[in-house]
């Protein structure tokens, strides 16, 4: 059974910024493929919440590598999954969510 997905304001803003940027540099087909791959990963996380790497056991923060430059951070609970942020993997790890 798939868990309910909730989006934080930050995750929503991050994905919007990324897709806006990519709109200028990718073809429409490539952009659609990128967006599809993001939502496929979210579907996988919904079905298998423990698929991501544990970043912080105490806060139940996990991350999932979407592609070589994009990592999704999320938190799990019994009833839902909260998408925290989409982070560029080239970012300093000290700036990752805690």
C-alpha atoms as a PDB file:
ATOM      1  CA  UNK A   1       0.000   0.000   0.000  1.00  0.00           C
ATOM      2  CA  UNK A   2       1.378   3.389  -1.014  1.00  0.00           C
ATOM      3  CA  UNK A   3       1.839   6.073   1.613  1.00  0.00           C
ATOM      4  CA  UNK A   4       0.397   9.548   1.266  1.00  0.00           C
ATOM      5  CA  UNK A   5       2.906  12.075  -0.066  1.00  0.00           C
ATOM      6  CA  UNK A   6       2.965  15.596   1.362  1.00  0.00           C
ATOM      7  CA  UNK A   7       5.071  18.373  -0.116  1.00  0.00           C
ATOM      8  CA  UNK A   8       6.842  20.969   2.003  1.00  0.00           C
ATOM      9  CA  UNK A   9       6.880  24.518   0.657  1.00  0.00           C
ATOM     10  CA  UNK A  10      10.639  24.199   0.217  1.00  0.00           C
ATOM     11  CA  UNK A  11      10.406  21.001  -1.857  1.00  0.00           C
ATOM     12  CA  UNK A  12       7.738  22.536  -4.052  1.00  0.00           C
ATOM     13  CA  UNK A  13       9.819  25.698  -4.526  1.00  0.00           C
ATOM     14  CA  UNK A  14      13.005  23.673  -5.215  1.00  0.00           C
ATOM     15  CA  UNK A  15      11.382  21.582  -7.942  1.00  0.00           C
ATOM     16  CA  UNK A  16       9.796  24.636  -9.513  1.00  0.00           C
ATOM     17  CA  UNK A  17      13.170  26.441  -9.609  1.00  0.00           C
ATOM     18  CA  UNK A  18      14.889  23.399 -11.120  1.00  0.00           C
ATOM     19  CA  UNK A  19      12.290  22.894 -13.841  1.00  0.00           C
ATOM     20  CA  UNK A  20      12.225  26.630 -14.645  1.00  0.00           C
ATOM     21  CA  UNK A  21      15.993  26.576 -15.082  1.00  0.00           C
ATOM     22  CA  UNK A  22      15.932  23.414 -17.185  1.00  0.00           C
ATOM     23  CA  UNK A  23      13.195  24.830 -19.436  1.00  0.00           C
ATOM     24  CA  UNK A  24      15.775  27.200 -20.865  1.00  0.00           C
ATOM     25  CA  UNK A  25      18.395  24.532 -21.582  1.00  0.00           C
ATOM     26  CA  UNK A  26      16.536  21.316 -22.390  1.00  0.00           C
ATOM     27  CA  UNK A  27      14.200  20.383 -25.186  1.00  0.00           C
ATOM     28  CA  UNK A  28      10.551  19.963 -24.245  1.00  0.00           C
ATOM     29  CA  UNK A  29      10.893  16.194 -24.591  1.00  0.00           C
ATOM     30  CA  UNK A  30      13.933  16.070 -22.273  1.00  0.00           C
ATOM     31  CA  UNK A  31      12.222  18.263 -19.707  1.00  0.00           C
ATOM     32  CA  UNK A  32       9.157  15.995 -19.696  1.00  0.00           C
ATOM     33  CA  UNK A  33      11.433  12.949 -19.299  1.00  0.00           C
ATOM     34  CA  UNK A  34      13.160  14.635 -16.351  1.00  0.00           C
ATOM     35  CA  UNK A  35       9.858  15.492 -14.652  1.00  0.00           C
ATOM     36  CA  UNK A  36       8.568  11.959 -15.275  1.00  0.00           C
ATOM     37  CA  UNK A  37      11.709  10.496 -13.687  1.00  0.00           C
ATOM     38  CA  UNK A  38      11.234  12.692 -10.593  1.00  0.00           C
ATOM     39  CA  UNK A  39       7.644  11.544 -10.155  1.00  0.00           C
ATOM     40  CA  UNK A  40       8.602   7.907 -10.773  1.00  0.00           C
ATOM     41  CA  UNK A  41      11.072   8.222  -7.885  1.00  0.00           C
ATOM     42  CA  UNK A  42       8.394   9.779  -5.690  1.00  0.00           C
ATOM     43  CA  UNK A  43       6.085   6.860  -6.553  1.00  0.00           C
ATOM     44  CA  UNK A  44       8.845   4.423  -5.566  1.00  0.00           C
ATOM     45  CA  UNK A  45       9.339   6.217  -2.268  1.00  0.00           C
ATOM     46  CA  UNK A  46       5.590   6.150  -1.665  1.00  0.00           C
ATOM     47  CA  UNK A  47       5.486   2.397  -2.214  1.00  0.00           C
ATOM     48  CA  UNK A  48       8.775   1.654  -0.429  1.00  0.00           C
ATOM     49  CA  UNK A  49       9.499   4.439   2.113  1.00  0.00           C
ATOM     50  CA  UNK A  50      12.641   2.776   3.427  1.00  0.00           C
ATOM     51  CA  UNK A  51      14.292   2.714   0.001  1.00  0.00           C
ATOM     52  CA  UNK A  52      16.250   5.912   0.711  1.00  0.00           C
ATOM     53  CA  UNK A  53      19.511   6.271   2.584  1.00  0.00           C
ATOM     54  CA  UNK A  54      19.147   7.206   6.261  1.00  0.00           C
ATOM     55  CA  UNK A  55      20.633  10.669   6.715  1.00  0.00           C
ATOM     56  CA  UNK A  56      19.479  11.219  10.304  1.00  0.00           C
ATOM     57  CA  UNK A  57      17.994   8.330  12.257  1.00  0.00           C
ATOM     58  CA  UNK A  58      16.737  10.556  15.065  1.00  0.00           C
ATOM     59  CA  UNK A  59      14.634  12.790  12.783  1.00  0.00           C
ATOM     60  CA  UNK A  60      13.799   9.959  10.338  1.00  0.00           C
ATOM     61  CA  UNK A  61      15.349  11.945   7.494  1.00  0.00           C
ATOM     62  CA  UNK A  62      16.161   9.939   4.376  1.00  0.00           C
ATOM     63  CA  UNK A  63      17.460  10.799   0.941  1.00  0.00           C
ATOM     64  CA  UNK A  64      17.004   9.270  -2.484  1.00  0.00           C
ATOM     65  CA  UNK A  65      19.287   9.897  -5.451  1.00  0.00           C
ATOM     66  CA  UNK A  66      17.110  10.814  -8.433  1.00  0.00           C
ATOM     67  CA  UNK A  67      20.002  11.331 -10.833  1.00  0.00           C
ATOM     68  CA  UNK A  68      23.676  12.124 -10.486  1.00  0.00           C
ATOM     69  CA  UNK A  69      22.940  15.798  -9.722  1.00  0.00           C
ATOM     70  CA  UNK A  70      19.683  15.657  -7.779  1.00  0.00           C
ATOM     71  CA  UNK A  71      18.876  14.184  -4.368  1.00  0.00           C
ATOM     72  CA  UNK A  72      15.459  14.201  -2.699  1.00  0.00           C
ATOM     73  CA  UNK A  73      15.300  14.513   1.091  1.00  0.00           C
ATOM     74  CA  UNK A  74      12.189  13.236   2.849  1.00  0.00           C
ATOM     75  CA  UNK A  75      10.830  12.190   6.249  1.00  0.00           C
ATOM     76  CA  UNK A  76       8.704   9.163   6.957  1.00  0.00           C
ATOM     77  CA  UNK A  77       5.996   8.502   9.505  1.00  0.00           C
ATOM     78  CA  UNK A  78       3.418   5.755   9.893  1.00  0.00           C
ATOM     79  CA  UNK A  79       0.792   7.649   7.907  1.00  0.00           C
ATOM     80  CA  UNK A  80       2.681   9.743   5.353  1.00  0.00           C
ATOM     81  CA  UNK A  81       5.893  10.835   3.694  1.00  0.00           C
ATOM     82  CA  UNK A  82       6.905  14.480   3.670  1.00  0.00           C
ATOM     83  CA  UNK A  83       9.132  15.656   0.826  1.00  0.00           C
ATOM     84  CA  UNK A  84      11.560  18.087   2.446  1.00  0.00           C
ATOM     85  CA  UNK A  85      13.818  19.362  -0.344  1.00  0.00           C
ATOM     86  CA  UNK A  86      15.406  18.667  -3.704  1.00  0.00           C
ATOM     87  CA  UNK A  87      19.137  19.384  -3.400  1.00  0.00           C
ATOM     88  CA  UNK A  88      21.867  19.542  -6.044  1.00  0.00           C
ATOM     89  CA  UNK A  89      24.444  16.878  -5.172  1.00  0.00           C
ATOM     90  CA  UNK A  90      27.234  19.334  -5.976  1.00  0.00           C
ATOM     91  CA  UNK A  91      26.126  21.430  -2.990  1.00  0.00           C
ATOM     92  CA  UNK A  92      28.246  21.432   0.139  1.00  0.00           C
ATOM     93  CA  UNK A  93      26.878  18.569   2.293  1.00  0.00           C
ATOM     94  CA  UNK A  94      26.847  20.907   5.299  1.00  0.00           C
ATOM     95  CA  UNK A  95      23.880  22.637   3.619  1.00  0.00           C
ATOM     96  CA  UNK A  96      21.813  19.433   3.450  1.00  0.00           C
ATOM     97  CA  UNK A  97      18.672  19.279   5.606  1.00  0.00           C
ATOM     98  CA  UNK A  98      19.106  17.872   9.099  1.00  0.00           C
END
